[in-house]
Amino acid sequence: MDNTDSASFVIFDKDASSLFNLSCADMIDAAQRNGGAGAVPDQIARLVENTLLFKVETKPSTNQRFEQTFRVRKICTDHTIIKEFKAKWDNEEAVISKTTNV
């Protein structure tokens, strides 16, 4: 979620495992042992206040279970790339704002 809205992303095990260096099954097992059913795994809780860059599939899902969600195709944790992307995005966003608020 950001200051304008929120979106639900679906990250499948292969991509999540590379992000957390742990399989999703192992992460859930550890969370249930340490915090009981419904506990948020520590690995996920540590993502709060971090900036990540996601390449997201925008075509609608044909699976009803994932309606209103977006599949994550790639996750970038490289701070240099994220900084470059943010600088470019902020610059483009400023140009759009200037032309639409005339």
PDB file of N, CA and C in Angstrom:
ATOM      1  N   MET A   1       0.853  -1.173   0.000  1.00  0.00           N
ATOM      2  CA  MET A   1       0.000   0.000   0.000  1.00  0.00           C
ATOM      3  C   MET A   1       0.896   1.233   0.000  1.00  0.00           C
ATOM      4  N   ASP A   2       0.477   2.250  -0.707  1.00  0.00           N
ATOM      5  CA  ASP A   2       1.183   3.523  -0.647  1.00  0.00           C
ATOM      6  C   ASP A   2       0.183   4.597  -0.228  1.00  0.00           C
ATOM      7  N   ASN A   3       0.548   5.828  -0.377  1.00  0.00           N
ATOM      8  CA  ASN A   3      -0.330   6.891   0.096  1.00  0.00           C
ATOM      9  C   ASN A   3      -1.522   7.142  -0.810  1.00  0.00           C
ATOM     10  N   THR A   4      -1.640   6.450  -1.929  1.00  0.00           N
ATOM     11  CA  THR A   4      -2.747   6.683  -2.840  1.00  0.00           C
ATOM     12  C   THR A   4      -3.740   5.535  -2.891  1.00  0.00           C
ATOM     13  N   ASP A   5      -3.298   4.314  -2.692  1.00  0.00           N
ATOM     14  CA  ASP A   5      -4.181   3.165  -2.820  1.00  0.00           C
ATOM     15  C   ASP A   5      -3.435   1.920  -2.385  1.00  0.00           C
ATOM     16  N   SER A   6      -4.013   0.759  -2.633  1.00  0.00           N
ATOM     17  CA  SER A   6      -3.335  -0.489  -2.322  1.00  0.00           C
ATOM     18  C   SER A   6      -3.577  -1.483  -3.449  1.00  0.00           C
ATOM     19  N   ALA A   7      -2.748  -2.510  -3.490  1.00  0.00           N
ATOM     20  CA  ALA A   7      -2.883  -3.562  -4.491  1.00  0.00           C
ATOM     21  C   ALA A   7      -2.428  -4.858  -3.857  1.00  0.00           C
ATOM     22  N   SER A   8      -3.005  -5.954  -4.312  1.00  0.00           N
ATOM     23  CA  SER A   8      -2.612  -7.272  -3.829  1.00  0.00           C
ATOM     24  C   SER A   8      -1.753  -7.941  -4.886  1.00  0.00           C
ATOM     25  N   PHE A   9      -0.572  -8.370  -4.468  1.00  0.00           N
ATOM     26  CA  PHE A   9       0.352  -9.051  -5.355  1.00  0.00           C
ATOM     27  C   PHE A   9       0.414 -10.514  -4.968  1.00  0.00           C
ATOM     28  N   VAL A  10       0.497 -11.385  -5.972  1.00  0.00           N
ATOM     29  CA  VAL A  10       0.663 -12.810  -5.739  1.00  0.00           C
ATOM     30  C   VAL A  10       2.104 -13.157  -6.091  1.00  0.00           C
ATOM     31  N   ILE A  11       2.833 -13.656  -5.102  1.00  0.00           N
ATOM     32  CA  ILE A  11       4.217 -14.070  -5.314  1.00  0.00           C
ATOM     33  C   ILE A  11       4.262 -15.576  -5.103  1.00  0.00           C
ATOM     34  N   PHE A  12       4.583 -16.303  -6.147  1.00  0.00           N
ATOM     35  CA  PHE A  12       4.627 -17.756  -6.044  1.00  0.00           C
ATOM     36  C   PHE A  12       5.923 -18.209  -5.386  1.00  0.00           C
ATOM     37  N   ASP A  13       5.939 -19.459  -4.967  1.00  0.00           N
ATOM     38  CA  ASP A  13       7.007 -20.003  -4.122  1.00  0.00           C
ATOM     39  C   ASP A  13       8.408 -19.775  -4.672  1.00  0.00           C
ATOM     40  N   LYS A  14       8.606 -19.972  -5.961  1.00  0.00           N
ATOM     41  CA  LYS A  14       9.950 -19.837  -6.532  1.00  0.00           C
ATOM     42  C   LYS A  14      10.508 -18.436  -6.294  1.00  0.00           C
ATOM     43  N   ASP A  15       9.688 -17.414  -6.584  1.00  0.00           N
ATOM     44  CA  ASP A  15      10.143 -16.033  -6.404  1.00  0.00           C
ATOM     45  C   ASP A  15      10.248 -15.672  -4.925  1.00  0.00           C
ATOM     46  N   ALA A  16       9.294 -16.129  -4.125  1.00  0.00           N
ATOM     47  CA  ALA A  16       9.326 -15.847  -2.686  1.00  0.00           C
ATOM     48  C   ALA A  16      10.541 -16.517  -2.047  1.00  0.00           C
ATOM     49  N   SER A  17      10.840 -17.728  -2.462  1.00  0.00           N
ATOM     50  CA  SER A  17      11.998 -18.445  -1.918  1.00  0.00           C
ATOM     51  C   SER A  17      13.292 -17.695  -2.199  1.00  0.00           C
ATOM     52  N   SER A  18      13.406 -17.105  -3.388  1.00  0.00           N
ATOM     53  CA  SER A  18      14.629 -16.354  -3.699  1.00  0.00           C
ATOM     54  C   SER A  18      14.682 -15.056  -2.898  1.00  0.00           C
ATOM     55  N   LEU A  19      13.541 -14.472  -2.586  1.00  0.00           N
ATOM     56  CA  LEU A  19      13.505 -13.246  -1.789  1.00  0.00           C
ATOM     57  C   LEU A  19      13.841 -13.517  -0.325  1.00  0.00           C
ATOM     58  N   PHE A  20      13.323 -14.613   0.211  1.00  0.00           N
ATOM     59  CA  PHE A  20      13.482 -14.912   1.637  1.00  0.00           C
ATOM     60  C   PHE A  20      14.589 -15.919   1.946  1.00  0.00           C
ATOM     61  N   ASN A  21      15.166 -16.531   0.901  1.00  0.00           N
ATOM     62  CA  ASN A  21      16.158 -17.592   1.089  1.00  0.00           C
ATOM     63  C   ASN A  21      15.593 -18.735   1.937  1.00  0.00           C
ATOM     64  N   LEU A  22      14.325 -19.018   1.727  1.00  0.00           N
ATOM     65  CA  LEU A  22      13.622 -20.038   2.497  1.00  0.00           C
ATOM     66  C   LEU A  22      12.355 -20.390   1.729  1.00  0.00           C
ATOM     67  N   SER A  23      12.000 -21.667   1.693  1.00  0.00           N
ATOM     68  CA  SER A  23      10.774 -22.033   0.994  1.00  0.00           C
ATOM     69  C   SER A  23       9.572 -21.518   1.777  1.00  0.00           C
ATOM     70  N   CYS A  24       8.483 -21.301   1.087  1.00  0.00           N
ATOM     71  CA  CYS A  24       7.272 -20.812   1.754  1.00  0.00           C
ATOM     72  C   CYS A  24       6.774 -21.822   2.784  1.00  0.00           C
ATOM     73  N   ALA A  25       6.861 -23.111   2.449  1.00  0.00           N
ATOM     74  CA  ALA A  25       6.421 -24.149   3.391  1.00  0.00           C
ATOM     75  C   ALA A  25       7.241 -24.085   4.685  1.00  0.00           C
ATOM     76  N   ASP A  26       8.563 -23.929   4.566  1.00  0.00           N
ATOM     77  CA  ASP A  26       9.419 -23.832   5.752  1.00  0.00           C
ATOM     78  C   ASP A  26       9.119 -22.565   6.553  1.00  0.00           C
ATOM     79  N   MET A  27       8.836 -21.477   5.844  1.00  0.00           N
ATOM     80  CA  MET A  27       8.518 -20.223   6.512  1.00  0.00           C
ATOM     81  C   MET A  27       7.210 -20.350   7.308  1.00  0.00           C
ATOM     82  N   ILE A  28       6.206 -20.958   6.715  1.00  0.00           N
ATOM     83  CA  ILE A  28       4.918 -21.137   7.393  1.00  0.00           C
ATOM     84  C   ILE A  28       5.065 -22.077   8.580  1.00  0.00           C
ATOM     85  N   ASP A  29       5.818 -23.160   8.404  1.00  0.00           N
ATOM     86  CA  ASP A  29       6.056 -24.086   9.522  1.00  0.00           C
ATOM     87  C   ASP A  29       6.702 -23.369  10.702  1.00  0.00           C
ATOM     88  N   ALA A  30       7.725 -22.577  10.425  1.00  0.00           N
ATOM     89  CA  ALA A  30       8.425 -21.860  11.496  1.00  0.00           C
ATOM     90  C   ALA A  30       7.500 -20.855  12.172  1.00  0.00           C
ATOM     91  N   ALA A  31       6.676 -20.159  11.389  1.00  0.00           N
ATOM     92  CA  ALA A  31       5.755 -19.171  11.959  1.00  0.00           C
ATOM     93  C   ALA A  31       4.723 -19.850  12.856  1.00  0.00           C
ATOM     94  N   GLN A  32       4.237 -21.008  12.440  1.00  0.00           N
ATOM     95  CA  GLN A  32       3.243 -21.719  13.251  1.00  0.00           C
ATOM     96  C   GLN A  32       3.855 -22.260  14.543  1.00  0.00           C
ATOM     97  N   ARG A  33       5.095 -22.710  14.470  1.00  0.00           N
ATOM     98  CA  ARG A  33       5.776 -23.191  15.687  1.00  0.00           C
ATOM     99  C   ARG A  33       6.040 -22.052  16.662  1.00  0.00           C
ATOM    100  N   ASN A  34       6.414 -20.890  16.112  1.00  0.00           N
ATOM    101  CA  ASN A  34       6.810 -19.774  16.956  1.00  0.00           C
ATOM    102  C   ASN A  34       5.648 -18.871  17.390  1.00  0.00           C
ATOM    103  N   GLY A  35       4.620 -18.786  16.579  1.00  0.00           N
ATOM    104  CA  GLY A  35       3.559 -17.838  16.917  1.00  0.00           C
ATOM    105  C   GLY A  35       2.159 -18.396  16.835  1.00  0.00           C
ATOM    106  N   GLY A  36       2.013 -19.637  16.457  1.00  0.00           N
ATOM    107  CA  GLY A  36       0.691 -20.224  16.350  1.00  0.00           C
ATOM    108  C   GLY A  36       0.032 -19.925  15.014  1.00  0.00           C
ATOM    109  N   ALA A  37      -1.161 -20.454  14.834  1.00  0.00           N
ATOM    110  CA  ALA A  37      -1.903 -20.291  13.582  1.00  0.00           C
ATOM    111  C   ALA A  37      -2.190 -18.815  13.335  1.00  0.00           C
ATOM    112  N   GLY A  38      -2.036 -18.392  12.104  1.00  0.00           N
ATOM    113  CA  GLY A  38      -2.313 -17.014  11.729  1.00  0.00           C
ATOM    114  C   GLY A  38      -1.176 -16.045  11.980  1.00  0.00           C
ATOM    115  N   ALA A  39      -0.067 -16.522  12.510  1.00  0.00           N
ATOM    116  CA  ALA A  39       1.081 -15.648  12.783  1.00  0.00           C
ATOM    117  C   ALA A  39       1.728 -15.208  11.472  1.00  0.00           C
ATOM    118  N   VAL A  40       2.182 -13.973  11.434  1.00  0.00           N
ATOM    119  CA  VAL A  40       2.898 -13.465  10.266  1.00  0.00           C
ATOM    120  C   VAL A  40       4.351 -13.889  10.389  1.00  0.00           C
ATOM    121  N   PRO A  41       4.866 -14.585   9.373  1.00  0.00           N
ATOM    122  CA  PRO A  41       6.271 -14.998   9.431  1.00  0.00           C
ATOM    123  C   PRO A  41       7.211 -13.794   9.578  1.00  0.00           C
ATOM    124  N   ASP A  42       8.279 -13.984  10.350  1.00  0.00           N
ATOM    125  CA  ASP A  42       9.259 -12.918  10.580  1.00  0.00           C
ATOM    126  C   ASP A  42       9.809 -12.359   9.270  1.00  0.00           C
ATOM    127  N   GLN A  43      10.028 -13.246   8.296  1.00  0.00           N
ATOM    128  CA  GLN A  43      10.599 -12.818   7.016  1.00  0.00           C
ATOM    129  C   GLN A  43       9.681 -11.800   6.328  1.00  0.00           C
ATOM    130  N   ILE A  44       8.383 -12.001   6.444  1.00  0.00           N
ATOM    131  CA  ILE A  44       7.440 -11.062   5.838  1.00  0.00           C
ATOM    132  C   ILE A  44       7.379  -9.777   6.659  1.00  0.00           C
ATOM    133  N   ALA A  45       7.344  -9.905   7.973  1.00  0.00           N
ATOM    134  CA  ALA A  45       7.304  -8.728   8.848  1.00  0.00           C
ATOM    135  C   ALA A  45       8.515  -7.825   8.610  1.00  0.00           C
ATOM    136  N   ARG A  46       9.666  -8.413   8.262  1.00  0.00           N
ATOM    137  CA  ARG A  46      10.884  -7.619   8.022  1.00  0.00           C
ATOM    138  C   ARG A  46      10.814  -6.797   6.740  1.00  0.00           C
ATOM    139  N   LEU A  47       9.831  -7.077   5.886  1.00  0.00           N
ATOM    140  CA  LEU A  47       9.685  -6.305   4.646  1.00  0.00           C
ATOM    141  C   LEU A  47       9.072  -4.927   4.886  1.00  0.00           C
ATOM    142  N   VAL A  48       8.410  -4.754   6.025  1.00  0.00           N
ATOM    143  CA  VAL A  48       7.760  -3.480   6.336  1.00  0.00           C
ATOM    144  C   VAL A  48       8.817  -2.374   6.339  1.00  0.00           C
ATOM    145  N   GLU A  49       8.482  -1.265   5.721  1.00  0.00           N
ATOM    146  CA  GLU A  49       9.343  -0.084   5.617  1.00  0.00           C
ATOM    147  C   GLU A  49      10.531  -0.280   4.672  1.00  0.00           C
ATOM    148  N   ASN A  50      10.579  -1.398   3.933  1.00  0.00           N
ATOM    149  CA  ASN A  50      11.613  -1.602   2.921  1.00  0.00           C
ATOM    150  C   ASN A  50      11.042  -1.253   1.559  1.00  0.00           C
ATOM    151  N   THR A  51      11.905  -0.856   0.654  1.00  0.00           N
ATOM    152  CA  THR A  51      11.491  -0.551  -0.706  1.00  0.00           C
ATOM    153  C   THR A  51      11.987  -1.657  -1.622  1.00  0.00           C
ATOM    154  N   LEU A  52      11.063  -2.237  -2.370  1.00  0.00           N
ATOM    155  CA  LEU A  52      11.367  -3.261  -3.358  1.00  0.00           C
ATOM    156  C   LEU A  52      10.767  -2.814  -4.685  1.00  0.00           C
ATOM    157  N   LEU A  53      11.290  -3.338  -5.772  1.00  0.00           N
ATOM    158  CA  LEU A  53      10.773  -3.032  -7.098  1.00  0.00           C
ATOM    159  C   LEU A  53      10.208  -4.319  -7.679  1.00  0.00           C
ATOM    160  N   PHE A  54       8.949  -4.271  -8.099  1.00  0.00           N
ATOM    161  CA  PHE A  54       8.290  -5.453  -8.635  1.00  0.00           C
ATOM    162  C   PHE A  54       7.970  -5.263 -10.107  1.00  0.00           C
ATOM    163  N   LYS A  55       8.247  -6.282 -10.904  1.00  0.00           N
ATOM    164  CA  LYS A  55       7.754  -6.339 -12.266  1.00  0.00           C
ATOM    165  C   LYS A  55       6.462  -7.138 -12.164  1.00  0.00           C
ATOM    166  N   VAL A  56       5.345  -6.523 -12.526  1.00  0.00           N
ATOM    167  CA  VAL A  56       4.041  -7.098 -12.270  1.00  0.00           C
ATOM    168  C   VAL A  56       3.304  -7.369 -13.574  1.00  0.00           C
ATOM    169  N   GLU A  57       2.656  -8.511 -13.630  1.00  0.00           N
ATOM    170  CA  GLU A  57       1.810  -8.866 -14.765  1.00  0.00           C
ATOM    171  C   GLU A  57       0.484  -8.145 -14.597  1.00  0.00           C
ATOM    172  N   THR A  58       0.075  -7.389 -15.599  1.00  0.00           N
ATOM    173  CA  THR A  58      -1.141  -6.594 -15.454  1.00  0.00           C
ATOM    174  C   THR A  58      -2.361  -7.197 -16.122  1.00  0.00           C
ATOM    175  N   LYS A  59      -2.199  -8.296 -16.846  1.00  0.00           N
ATOM    176  CA  LYS A  59      -3.385  -8.887 -17.467  1.00  0.00           C
ATOM    177  C   LYS A  59      -4.253  -9.541 -16.392  1.00  0.00           C
ATOM    178  N   PRO A  60      -5.555  -9.504 -16.564  1.00  0.00           N
ATOM    179  CA  PRO A  60      -6.443 -10.071 -15.546  1.00  0.00           C
ATOM    180  C   PRO A  60      -6.237 -11.575 -15.375  1.00  0.00           C
ATOM    181  N   SER A  61      -6.358 -12.026 -14.153  1.00  0.00           N
ATOM    182  CA  SER A  61      -6.226 -13.442 -13.861  1.00  0.00           C
ATOM    183  C   SER A  61      -7.490 -14.176 -14.293  1.00  0.00           C
ATOM    184  N   THR A  62      -7.321 -15.381 -14.812  1.00  0.00           N
ATOM    185  CA  THR A  62      -8.486 -16.191 -15.165  1.00  0.00           C
ATOM    186  C   THR A  62      -8.902 -17.075 -13.997  1.00  0.00           C
ATOM    187  N   ASN A  63      -8.140 -17.041 -12.930  1.00  0.00           N
ATOM    188  CA  ASN A  63      -8.438 -17.836 -11.741  1.00  0.00           C
ATOM    189  C   ASN A  63      -9.227 -16.969 -10.759  1.00  0.00           C
ATOM    190  N   GLN A  64     -10.434 -17.408 -10.413  1.00  0.00           N
ATOM    191  CA  GLN A  64     -11.304 -16.644  -9.514  1.00  0.00           C
ATOM    192  C   GLN A  64     -10.649 -16.369  -8.168  1.00  0.00           C
ATOM    193  N   ARG A  65      -9.810 -17.305  -7.684  1.00  0.00           N
ATOM    194  CA  ARG A  65      -9.155 -17.126  -6.382  1.00  0.00           C
ATOM    195  C   ARG A  65      -8.224 -15.922  -6.365  1.00  0.00           C
ATOM    196  N   PHE A  66      -7.695 -15.557  -7.532  1.00  0.00           N
ATOM    197  CA  PHE A  66      -6.729 -14.463  -7.600  1.00  0.00           C
ATOM    198  C   PHE A  66      -7.309 -13.219  -8.264  1.00  0.00           C
ATOM    199  N   GLU A  67      -8.643 -13.105  -8.288  1.00  0.00           N
ATOM    200  CA  GLU A  67      -9.282 -11.932  -8.862  1.00  0.00           C
ATOM    201  C   GLU A  67      -8.864 -10.690  -8.079  1.00  0.00           C
ATOM    202  N   GLN A  68      -8.634  -9.595  -8.782  1.00  0.00           N
ATOM    203  CA  GLN A  68      -8.191  -8.333  -8.182  1.00  0.00           C
ATOM    204  C   GLN A  68      -6.768  -8.418  -7.618  1.00  0.00           C
ATOM    205  N   THR A  69      -5.963  -9.315  -8.145  1.00  0.00           N
ATOM    206  CA  THR A  69      -4.569  -9.415  -7.739  1.00  0.00           C
ATOM    207  C   THR A  69      -3.682  -9.311  -8.973  1.00  0.00           C
ATOM    208  N   PHE A  70      -2.410  -9.084  -8.736  1.00  0.00           N
ATOM    209  CA  PHE A  70      -1.436  -8.976  -9.819  1.00  0.00           C
ATOM    210  C   PHE A  70      -0.288  -9.922  -9.528  1.00  0.00           C
ATOM    211  N   ARG A  71       0.091 -10.717 -10.535  1.00  0.00           N
ATOM    212  CA  ARG A  71       1.178 -11.667 -10.348  1.00  0.00           C
ATOM    213  C   ARG A  71       2.526 -10.969 -10.475  1.00  0.00           C
ATOM    214  N   VAL A  72       3.363 -11.195  -9.505  1.00  0.00           N
ATOM    215  CA  VAL A  72       4.711 -10.652  -9.531  1.00  0.00           C
ATOM    216  C   VAL A  72       5.569 -11.551 -10.419  1.00  0.00           C
ATOM    217  N   ARG A  73       6.187 -10.953 -11.420  1.00  0.00           N
ATOM    218  CA  ARG A  73       7.036 -11.698 -12.342  1.00  0.00           C
ATOM    219  C   ARG A  73       8.508 -11.632 -11.945  1.00  0.00           C
ATOM    220  N   LYS A  74       8.907 -10.535 -11.317  1.00  0.00           N
ATOM    221  CA  LYS A  74      10.308 -10.375 -10.928  1.00  0.00           C
ATOM    222  C   LYS A  74      10.368  -9.423  -9.742  1.00  0.00           C
ATOM    223  N   ILE A  75      11.302  -9.699  -8.829  1.00  0.00           N
ATOM    224  CA  ILE A  75      11.497  -8.865  -7.648  1.00  0.00           C
ATOM    225  C   ILE A  75      12.930  -8.338  -7.668  1.00  0.00           C
ATOM    226  N   CYS A  76      13.068  -7.032  -7.520  1.00  0.00           N
ATOM    227  CA  CYS A  76      14.397  -6.416  -7.476  1.00  0.00           C
ATOM    228  C   CYS A  76      14.632  -5.865  -6.078  1.00  0.00           C
ATOM    229  N   THR A  77      15.752  -6.244  -5.487  1.00  0.00           N
ATOM    230  CA  THR A  77      16.128  -5.735  -4.167  1.00  0.00           C
ATOM    231  C   THR A  77      17.386  -4.867  -4.237  1.00  0.00           C
ATOM    232  N   ASP A  78      17.916  -4.673  -5.435  1.00  0.00           N
ATOM    233  CA  ASP A  78      19.141  -3.886  -5.636  1.00  0.00           C
ATOM    234  C   ASP A  78      18.826  -2.400  -5.432  1.00  0.00           C
ATOM    235  N   HIS A  79      19.394  -1.820  -4.376  1.00  0.00           N
ATOM    236  CA  HIS A  79      19.087  -0.431  -4.014  1.00  0.00           C
ATOM    237  C   HIS A  79      19.502   0.566  -5.094  1.00  0.00           C
ATOM    238  N   THR A  80      20.558   0.267  -5.848  1.00  0.00           N
ATOM    239  CA  THR A  80      20.998   1.167  -6.916  1.00  0.00           C
ATOM    240  C   THR A  80      19.964   1.218  -8.032  1.00  0.00           C
ATOM    241  N   ILE A  81      19.466   0.067  -8.435  1.00  0.00           N
ATOM    242  CA  ILE A  81      18.454   0.011  -9.494  1.00  0.00           C
ATOM    243  C   ILE A  81      17.159   0.671  -9.021  1.00  0.00           C
ATOM    244  N   ILE A  82      16.774   0.401  -7.780  1.00  0.00           N
ATOM    245  CA  ILE A  82      15.552   0.994  -7.230  1.00  0.00           C
ATOM    246  C   ILE A  82      15.674   2.525  -7.200  1.00  0.00           C
ATOM    247  N   LYS A  83      16.824   3.028  -6.805  1.00  0.00           N
ATOM    248  CA  LYS A  83      17.058   4.473  -6.744  1.00  0.00           C
ATOM    249  C   LYS A  83      16.963   5.087  -8.145  1.00  0.00           C
ATOM    250  N   GLU A  84      17.556   4.429  -9.145  1.00  0.00           N
ATOM    251  CA  GLU A  84      17.499   4.923 -10.530  1.00  0.00           C
ATOM    252  C   GLU A  84      16.061   4.924 -11.042  1.00  0.00           C
ATOM    253  N   PHE A  85      15.343   3.844 -10.769  1.00  0.00           N
ATOM    254  CA  PHE A  85      13.951   3.757 -11.205  1.00  0.00           C
ATOM    255  C   PHE A  85      13.117   4.860 -10.560  1.00  0.00           C
ATOM    256  N   LYS A  86      13.294   5.047  -9.259  1.00  0.00           N
ATOM    257  CA  LYS A  86      12.528   6.065  -8.530  1.00  0.00           C
ATOM    258  C   LYS A  86      12.830   7.463  -9.062  1.00  0.00           C
ATOM    259  N   ALA A  87      14.091   7.756  -9.327  1.00  0.00           N
ATOM    260  CA  ALA A  87      14.470   9.072  -9.857  1.00  0.00           C
ATOM    261  C   ALA A  87      13.815   9.306 -11.216  1.00  0.00           C
ATOM    262  N   LYS A  88      13.824   8.301 -12.076  1.00  0.00           N
ATOM    263  CA  LYS A  88      13.206   8.426 -13.396  1.00  0.00           C
ATOM    264  C   LYS A  88      11.702   8.577 -13.257  1.00  0.00           C
ATOM    265  N   TRP A  89      11.091   7.760 -12.403  1.00  0.00           N
ATOM    266  CA  TRP A  89       9.639   7.814 -12.216  1.00  0.00           C
ATOM    267  C   TRP A  89       9.223   9.178 -11.657  1.00  0.00           C
ATOM    268  N   ASP A  90       9.926   9.653 -10.640  1.00  0.00           N
ATOM    269  CA  ASP A  90       9.595  10.948 -10.042  1.00  0.00           C
ATOM    270  C   ASP A  90       9.704  12.063 -11.076  1.00  0.00           C
ATOM    271  N   ASN A  91      10.723  12.002 -11.928  1.00  0.00           N
ATOM    272  CA  ASN A  91      10.919  13.005 -12.964  1.00  0.00           C
ATOM    273  C   ASN A  91       9.778  12.957 -13.978  1.00  0.00           C
ATOM    274  N   GLU A  92       9.404  11.748 -14.435  1.00  0.00           N
ATOM    275  CA  GLU A  92       8.315  11.612 -15.403  1.00  0.00           C
ATOM    276  C   GLU A  92       6.989  12.035 -14.786  1.00  0.00           C
ATOM    277  N   GLU A  93       6.776  11.680 -13.526  1.00  0.00           N
ATOM    278  CA  GLU A  93       5.541  12.041 -12.838  1.00  0.00           C
ATOM    279  C   GLU A  93       5.422  13.558 -12.725  1.00  0.00           C
ATOM    280  N   ALA A  94       6.530  14.247 -12.457  1.00  0.00           N
ATOM    281  CA  ALA A  94       6.531  15.708 -12.365  1.00  0.00           C
ATOM    282  C   ALA A  94       6.159  16.328 -13.696  1.00  0.00           C
ATOM    283  N   VAL A  95       6.664  15.787 -14.794  1.00  0.00           N
ATOM    284  CA  VAL A  95       6.354  16.312 -16.127  1.00  0.00           C
ATOM    285  C   VAL A  95       4.868  16.144 -16.413  1.00  0.00           C
ATOM    286  N   ILE A  96       4.320  14.981 -16.079  1.00  0.00           N
ATOM    287  CA  ILE A  96       2.890  14.733 -16.302  1.00  0.00           C
ATOM    288  C   ILE A  96       2.056  15.706 -15.477  1.00  0.00           C
ATOM    289  N   SER A  97       2.416  15.922 -14.226  1.00  0.00           N
ATOM    290  CA  SER A  97       1.690  16.844 -13.360  1.00  0.00           C
ATOM    291  C   SER A  97       1.716  18.263 -13.927  1.00  0.00           C
ATOM    292  N   LYS A  98       2.853  18.680 -14.442  1.00  0.00           N
ATOM    293  CA  LYS A  98       2.976  20.032 -14.982  1.00  0.00           C
ATOM    294  C   LYS A  98       2.095  20.210 -16.210  1.00  0.00           C
ATOM    295  N   THR A  99       1.990  19.197 -17.060  1.00  0.00           N
ATOM    296  CA  THR A  99       1.199  19.345 -18.281  1.00  0.00           C
ATOM    297  C   THR A  99      -0.292  19.190 -18.035  1.00  0.00           C
ATOM    298  N   THR A 100      -0.686  18.486 -16.986  1.00  0.00           N
ATOM    299  CA  THR A 100      -2.121  18.302 -16.740  1.00  0.00           C
ATOM    300  C   THR A 100      -2.696  19.345 -15.800  1.00  0.00           C
ATOM    301  N   ASN A 101      -1.847  20.085 -15.097  1.00  0.00           N
ATOM    302  CA  ASN A 101      -2.322  21.095 -14.147  1.00  0.00           C
ATOM    303  C   ASN A 101      -2.157  22.516 -14.692  1.00  0.00           C
ATOM    304  N   VAL A 102      -2.121  22.663 -16.004  1.00  0.00           N
ATOM    305  CA  VAL A 102      -1.923  23.991 -16.603  1.00  0.00           C
ATOM    306  C   VAL A 102      -3.177  24.810 -16.467  1.00  0.00           C
TER     307      VAL A 102
END
